[in-house]
PDB file of N, CA and C in Angstrom:
ATOM      1  N   UNK A   1     -57.408  43.459  11.376  1.00  0.00           N
ATOM      2  CA  UNK A   1     -57.654  43.501   9.938  1.00  0.00           C
ATOM      3  C   UNK A   1     -56.344  43.869   9.225  1.00  0.00           C
ATOM      4  N   UNK A   2     -56.015  43.164   8.169  1.00  0.00           N
ATOM      5  CA  UNK A   2     -54.788  43.406   7.419  1.00  0.00           C
ATOM      6  C   UNK A   2     -55.044  44.354   6.251  1.00  0.00           C
ATOM      7  N   UNK A   3     -54.050  45.167   5.947  1.00  0.00           N
ATOM      8  CA  UNK A   3     -54.143  46.076   4.811  1.00  0.00           C
ATOM      9  C   UNK A   3     -54.145  45.286   3.495  1.00  0.00           C
ATOM     10  N   UNK A   4     -54.958  45.701   2.566  1.00  0.00           N
ATOM     11  CA  UNK A   4     -55.051  45.061   1.253  1.00  0.00           C
ATOM     12  C   UNK A   4     -53.856  45.448   0.377  1.00  0.00           C
ATOM     13  N   UNK A   5     -53.398  46.698   0.504  1.00  0.00           N
ATOM     14  CA  UNK A   5     -52.295  47.208  -0.310  1.00  0.00           C
ATOM     15  C   UNK A   5     -51.038  47.315   0.538  1.00  0.00           C
ATOM     16  N   UNK A   6     -49.880  47.251  -0.128  1.00  0.00           N
ATOM     17  CA  UNK A   6     -48.590  47.289   0.560  1.00  0.00           C
ATOM     18  C   UNK A   6     -47.848  48.576   0.205  1.00  0.00           C
ATOM     19  N   UNK A   7     -46.829  48.875   1.000  1.00  0.00           N
ATOM     20  CA  UNK A   7     -45.984  50.036   0.715  1.00  0.00           C
ATOM     21  C   UNK A   7     -45.377  49.914  -0.676  1.00  0.00           C
ATOM     22  N   UNK A   8     -45.280  51.043  -1.356  1.00  0.00           N
ATOM     23  CA  UNK A   8     -44.696  51.186  -2.689  1.00  0.00           C
ATOM     24  C   UNK A   8     -45.529  50.582  -3.815  1.00  0.00           C
ATOM     25  N   UNK A   9     -46.729  50.057  -3.517  1.00  0.00           N
ATOM     26  CA  UNK A   9     -47.603  49.584  -4.590  1.00  0.00           C
ATOM     27  C   UNK A   9     -48.210  50.786  -5.310  1.00  0.00           C
ATOM     28  N   UNK A  10     -48.492  50.607  -6.586  1.00  0.00           N
ATOM     29  CA  UNK A  10     -49.114  51.634  -7.404  1.00  0.00           C
ATOM     30  C   UNK A  10     -50.628  51.422  -7.390  1.00  0.00           C
ATOM     31  N   UNK A  11     -51.372  52.490  -7.086  1.00  0.00           N
ATOM     32  CA  UNK A  11     -52.831  52.417  -7.007  1.00  0.00           C
ATOM     33  C   UNK A  11     -53.461  53.573  -7.769  1.00  0.00           C
ATOM     34  N   UNK A  12     -54.743  53.454  -8.016  1.00  0.00           N
ATOM     35  CA  UNK A  12     -55.536  54.513  -8.652  1.00  0.00           C
ATOM     36  C   UNK A  12     -56.761  54.792  -7.798  1.00  0.00           C
ATOM     37  N   UNK A  13     -57.275  55.999  -7.895  1.00  0.00           N
ATOM     38  CA  UNK A  13     -58.500  56.369  -7.194  1.00  0.00           C
ATOM     39  C   UNK A  13     -59.679  55.715  -7.913  1.00  0.00           C
ATOM     40  N   UNK A  14     -60.624  55.177  -7.150  1.00  0.00           N
ATOM     41  CA  UNK A  14     -61.812  54.541  -7.724  1.00  0.00           C
ATOM     42  C   UNK A  14     -62.711  55.595  -8.347  1.00  0.00           C
ATOM     43  N   UNK A  15     -62.968  56.632  -7.599  1.00  0.00           N
ATOM     44  CA  UNK A  15     -63.799  57.742  -8.099  1.00  0.00           C
ATOM     45  C   UNK A  15     -63.410  58.986  -7.329  1.00  0.00           C
ATOM     46  N   UNK A  16     -63.705  60.116  -7.912  1.00  0.00           N
ATOM     47  CA  UNK A  16     -63.399  61.372  -7.237  1.00  0.00           C
ATOM     48  C   UNK A  16     -64.667  62.184  -7.073  1.00  0.00           C
ATOM     49  N   UNK A  17     -64.731  62.924  -6.018  1.00  0.00           N
ATOM     50  CA  UNK A  17     -65.872  63.803  -5.771  1.00  0.00           C
ATOM     51  C   UNK A  17     -65.640  65.157  -6.388  1.00  0.00           C
ATOM     52  N   UNK A  18     -66.578  66.040  -6.209  1.00  0.00           N
ATOM     53  CA  UNK A  18     -66.465  67.375  -6.767  1.00  0.00           C
ATOM     54  C   UNK A  18     -65.266  68.133  -6.208  1.00  0.00           C
ATOM     55  N   UNK A  19     -64.904  67.879  -4.959  1.00  0.00           N
ATOM     56  CA  UNK A  19     -63.782  68.580  -4.347  1.00  0.00           C
ATOM     57  C   UNK A  19     -62.435  68.035  -4.790  1.00  0.00           C
ATOM     58  N   UNK A  20     -62.439  66.929  -5.521  1.00  0.00           N
ATOM     59  CA  UNK A  20     -61.191  66.321  -5.974  1.00  0.00           C
ATOM     60  C   UNK A  20     -60.873  66.667  -7.420  1.00  0.00           C
ATOM     61  N   UNK A  21     -61.138  67.872  -7.830  1.00  0.00           N
ATOM     62  CA  UNK A  21     -60.935  68.263  -9.220  1.00  0.00           C
ATOM     63  C   UNK A  21     -59.462  68.259  -9.615  1.00  0.00           C
ATOM     64  N   UNK A  22     -58.541  68.224  -8.641  1.00  0.00           N
ATOM     65  CA  UNK A  22     -57.118  68.216  -8.953  1.00  0.00           C
ATOM     66  C   UNK A  22     -56.611  66.816  -9.295  1.00  0.00           C
ATOM     67  N   UNK A  23     -57.414  65.797  -9.064  1.00  0.00           N
ATOM     68  CA  UNK A  23     -57.021  64.422  -9.364  1.00  0.00           C
ATOM     69  C   UNK A  23     -57.427  64.101 -10.793  1.00  0.00           C
ATOM     70  N   UNK A  24     -56.441  63.769 -11.630  1.00  0.00           N
ATOM     71  CA  UNK A  24     -56.723  63.400 -13.015  1.00  0.00           C
ATOM     72  C   UNK A  24     -57.234  61.970 -13.068  1.00  0.00           C
ATOM     73  N   UNK A  25     -58.193  61.731 -13.927  1.00  0.00           N
ATOM     74  CA  UNK A  25     -58.715  60.367 -14.089  1.00  0.00           C
ATOM     75  C   UNK A  25     -57.574  59.462 -14.539  1.00  0.00           C
ATOM     76  N   UNK A  26     -57.418  58.343 -13.868  1.00  0.00           N
ATOM     77  CA  UNK A  26     -56.374  57.401 -14.233  1.00  0.00           C
ATOM     78  C   UNK A  26     -55.009  57.706 -13.650  1.00  0.00           C
ATOM     79  N   UNK A  27     -54.889  58.759 -12.857  1.00  0.00           N
ATOM     80  CA  UNK A  27     -53.597  59.111 -12.261  1.00  0.00           C
ATOM     81  C   UNK A  27     -53.147  58.005 -11.309  1.00  0.00           C
ATOM     82  N   UNK A  28     -51.871  57.663 -11.364  1.00  0.00           N
ATOM     83  CA  UNK A  28     -51.313  56.611 -10.527  1.00  0.00           C
ATOM     84  C   UNK A  28     -50.652  57.210  -9.298  1.00  0.00           C
ATOM     85  N   UNK A  29     -50.927  56.600  -8.153  1.00  0.00           N
ATOM     86  CA  UNK A  29     -50.366  57.021  -6.874  1.00  0.00           C
ATOM     87  C   UNK A  29     -49.529  55.892  -6.302  1.00  0.00           C
ATOM     88  N   UNK A  30     -48.583  56.227  -5.449  1.00  0.00           N
ATOM     89  CA  UNK A  30     -47.787  55.234  -4.733  1.00  0.00           C
ATOM     90  C   UNK A  30     -48.203  55.228  -3.270  1.00  0.00           C
ATOM     91  N   UNK A  31     -48.390  54.046  -2.706  1.00  0.00           N
ATOM     92  CA  UNK A  31     -48.705  53.922  -1.279  1.00  0.00           C
ATOM     93  C   UNK A  31     -47.430  54.229  -0.500  1.00  0.00           C
ATOM     94  N   UNK A  32     -47.483  55.251   0.354  1.00  0.00           N
ATOM     95  CA  UNK A  32     -46.285  55.639   1.099  1.00  0.00           C
ATOM     96  C   UNK A  32     -46.410  55.392   2.601  1.00  0.00           C
ATOM     97  N   UNK A  33     -47.634  55.148   3.085  1.00  0.00           N
ATOM     98  CA  UNK A  33     -47.815  54.866   4.504  1.00  0.00           C
ATOM     99  C   UNK A  33     -49.118  54.111   4.724  1.00  0.00           C
ATOM    100  N   UNK A  34     -49.060  53.118   5.610  1.00  0.00           N
ATOM    101  CA  UNK A  34     -50.259  52.387   6.013  1.00  0.00           C
ATOM    102  C   UNK A  34     -50.785  53.053   7.269  1.00  0.00           C
ATOM    103  N   UNK A  35     -52.045  53.435   7.257  1.00  0.00           N
ATOM    104  CA  UNK A  35     -52.652  54.125   8.390  1.00  0.00           C
ATOM    105  C   UNK A  35     -53.613  53.194   9.118  1.00  0.00           C
ATOM    106  N   UNK A  36     -53.903  53.497  10.374  1.00  0.00           N
ATOM    107  CA  UNK A  36     -54.830  52.641  11.129  1.00  0.00           C
ATOM    108  C   UNK A  36     -56.274  52.801  10.658  1.00  0.00           C
ATOM    109  N   UNK A  37     -57.144  52.005  11.242  1.00  0.00           N
ATOM    110  CA  UNK A  37     -58.576  52.077  10.938  1.00  0.00           C
ATOM    111  C   UNK A  37     -59.133  53.437  11.342  1.00  0.00           C
ATOM    112  N   UNK A  38     -60.141  53.898  10.596  1.00  0.00           N
ATOM    113  CA  UNK A  38     -60.834  55.122  10.989  1.00  0.00           C
ATOM    114  C   UNK A  38     -61.992  54.761  11.929  1.00  0.00           C
ATOM    115  N   UNK A  39     -62.866  55.712  12.204  1.00  0.00           N
ATOM    116  CA  UNK A  39     -63.972  55.499  13.144  1.00  0.00           C
ATOM    117  C   UNK A  39     -64.926  54.399  12.694  1.00  0.00           C
ATOM    118  N   UNK A  40     -64.990  54.158  11.376  1.00  0.00           N
ATOM    119  CA  UNK A  40     -65.897  53.135  10.850  1.00  0.00           C
ATOM    120  C   UNK A  40     -65.244  51.759  10.790  1.00  0.00           C
ATOM    121  N   UNK A  41     -63.962  51.683  11.106  1.00  0.00           N
ATOM    122  CA  UNK A  41     -63.247  50.415  11.054  1.00  0.00           C
ATOM    123  C   UNK A  41     -62.554  50.158   9.729  1.00  0.00           C
ATOM    124  N   UNK A  42     -62.628  51.113   8.804  1.00  0.00           N
ATOM    125  CA  UNK A  42     -61.996  50.943   7.496  1.00  0.00           C
ATOM    126  C   UNK A  42     -60.538  51.397   7.551  1.00  0.00           C
ATOM    127  N   UNK A  43     -59.660  50.595   6.956  1.00  0.00           N
ATOM    128  CA  UNK A  43     -58.237  50.933   6.914  1.00  0.00           C
ATOM    129  C   UNK A  43     -57.990  52.078   5.948  1.00  0.00           C
ATOM    130  N   UNK A  44     -56.926  52.831   6.208  1.00  0.00           N
ATOM    131  CA  UNK A  44     -56.583  53.991   5.390  1.00  0.00           C
ATOM    132  C   UNK A  44     -55.130  53.930   4.958  1.00  0.00           C
ATOM    133  N   UNK A  45     -54.810  54.779   3.979  1.00  0.00           N
ATOM    134  CA  UNK A  45     -53.467  54.842   3.404  1.00  0.00           C
ATOM    135  C   UNK A  45     -53.091  56.296   3.146  1.00  0.00           C
ATOM    136  N   UNK A  46     -51.789  56.541   3.093  1.00  0.00           N
ATOM    137  CA  UNK A  46     -51.268  57.821   2.632  1.00  0.00           C
ATOM    138  C   UNK A  46     -50.675  57.512   1.271  1.00  0.00           C
ATOM    139  N   UNK A  47     -51.109  58.236   0.235  1.00  0.00           N
ATOM    140  CA  UNK A  47     -50.640  57.984  -1.123  1.00  0.00           C
ATOM    141  C   UNK A  47     -50.044  59.257  -1.706  1.00  0.00           C
ATOM    142  N   UNK A  48     -49.183  59.089  -2.719  1.00  0.00           N
ATOM    143  CA  UNK A  48     -48.515  60.246  -3.316  1.00  0.00           C
ATOM    144  C   UNK A  48     -48.406  60.077  -4.822  1.00  0.00           C
ATOM    145  N   UNK A  49     -48.589  61.200  -5.524  1.00  0.00           N
ATOM    146  CA  UNK A  49     -48.341  61.298  -6.964  1.00  0.00           C
ATOM    147  C   UNK A  49     -47.591  62.605  -7.173  1.00  0.00           C
ATOM    148  N   UNK A  50     -46.338  62.523  -7.594  1.00  0.00           N
ATOM    149  CA  UNK A  50     -45.523  63.730  -7.735  1.00  0.00           C
ATOM    150  C   UNK A  50     -45.313  64.362  -6.374  1.00  0.00           C
ATOM    151  N   UNK A  51     -45.655  65.640  -6.248  1.00  0.00           N
ATOM    152  CA  UNK A  51     -45.508  66.359  -4.980  1.00  0.00           C
ATOM    153  C   UNK A  51     -46.789  66.339  -4.153  1.00  0.00           C
ATOM    154  N   UNK A  52     -47.865  65.817  -4.705  1.00  0.00           N
ATOM    155  CA  UNK A  52     -49.163  65.809  -4.011  1.00  0.00           C
ATOM    156  C   UNK A  52     -49.321  64.543  -3.179  1.00  0.00           C
ATOM    157  N   UNK A  53     -49.741  64.716  -1.925  1.00  0.00           N
ATOM    158  CA  UNK A  53     -50.037  63.596  -1.031  1.00  0.00           C
ATOM    159  C   UNK A  53     -51.462  63.715  -0.538  1.00  0.00           C
ATOM    160  N   UNK A  54     -52.063  62.580  -0.213  1.00  0.00           N
ATOM    161  CA  UNK A  54     -53.416  62.585   0.333  1.00  0.00           C
ATOM    162  C   UNK A  54     -53.651  61.317   1.137  1.00  0.00           C
ATOM    163  N   UNK A  55     -54.589  61.376   2.038  1.00  0.00           N
ATOM    164  CA  UNK A  55     -55.021  60.211   2.806  1.00  0.00           C
ATOM    165  C   UNK A  55     -56.304  59.698   2.180  1.00  0.00           C
ATOM    166  N   UNK A  56     -56.404  58.379   2.012  1.00  0.00           N
ATOM    167  CA  UNK A  56     -57.589  57.770   1.407  1.00  0.00           C
ATOM    168  C   UNK A  56     -57.970  56.518   2.180  1.00  0.00           C
ATOM    169  N   UNK A  57     -59.231  56.168   2.083  1.00  0.00           N
ATOM    170  CA  UNK A  57     -59.708  54.915   2.650  1.00  0.00           C
ATOM    171  C   UNK A  57     -59.455  53.791   1.651  1.00  0.00           C
ATOM    172  N   UNK A  58     -59.404  52.572   2.167  1.00  0.00           N
ATOM    173  CA  UNK A  58     -59.149  51.420   1.305  1.00  0.00           C
ATOM    174  C   UNK A  58     -60.173  51.288   0.192  1.00  0.00           C
ATOM    175  N   UNK A  59     -61.413  51.643   0.442  1.00  0.00           N
ATOM    176  CA  UNK A  59     -62.476  51.522  -0.555  1.00  0.00           C
ATOM    177  C   UNK A  59     -62.346  52.556  -1.676  1.00  0.00           C
ATOM    178  N   UNK A  60     -61.488  53.558  -1.516  1.00  0.00           N
ATOM    179  CA  UNK A  60     -61.348  54.622  -2.498  1.00  0.00           C
ATOM    180  C   UNK A  60     -60.254  54.357  -3.526  1.00  0.00           C
ATOM    181  N   UNK A  61     -59.489  53.261  -3.369  1.00  0.00           N
ATOM    182  CA  UNK A  61     -58.392  52.986  -4.285  1.00  0.00           C
ATOM    183  C   UNK A  61     -58.441  51.547  -4.783  1.00  0.00           C
ATOM    184  N   UNK A  62     -57.835  51.348  -5.962  1.00  0.00           N
ATOM    185  CA  UNK A  62     -57.694  50.010  -6.535  1.00  0.00           C
ATOM    186  C   UNK A  62     -56.245  49.861  -6.999  1.00  0.00           C
ATOM    187  N   UNK A  63     -55.810  48.641  -7.186  1.00  0.00           N
ATOM    188  CA  UNK A  63     -54.468  48.362  -7.673  1.00  0.00           C
ATOM    189  C   UNK A  63     -54.350  48.835  -9.117  1.00  0.00           C
ATOM    190  N   UNK A  64     -53.287  49.556  -9.428  1.00  0.00           N
ATOM    191  CA  UNK A  64     -53.064  50.068 -10.789  1.00  0.00           C
ATOM    192  C   UNK A  64     -52.515  48.951 -11.669  1.00  0.00           C
ATOM    193  N   UNK A  65     -52.978  48.934 -12.890  1.00  0.00           N
ATOM    194  CA  UNK A  65     -52.427  48.040 -13.900  1.00  0.00           C
ATOM    195  C   UNK A  65     -52.837  46.652 -13.764  1.00  0.00           C
TER     196      UNK A  65
END
């Protein structure tokens, strides 16, 4: 399975849960690493905004702009 997003692309979070209160709505992240599939077979990414980094599944992000 190929990754939908590429390195250095700008993405946004689709939605945030209650534990993601530090993520501002509409905040833009940069894809900094392509990660392998998780246990469910979904591809993952490492994204960054400023000094904050996080790992997300492909279904949790969309292309910004």
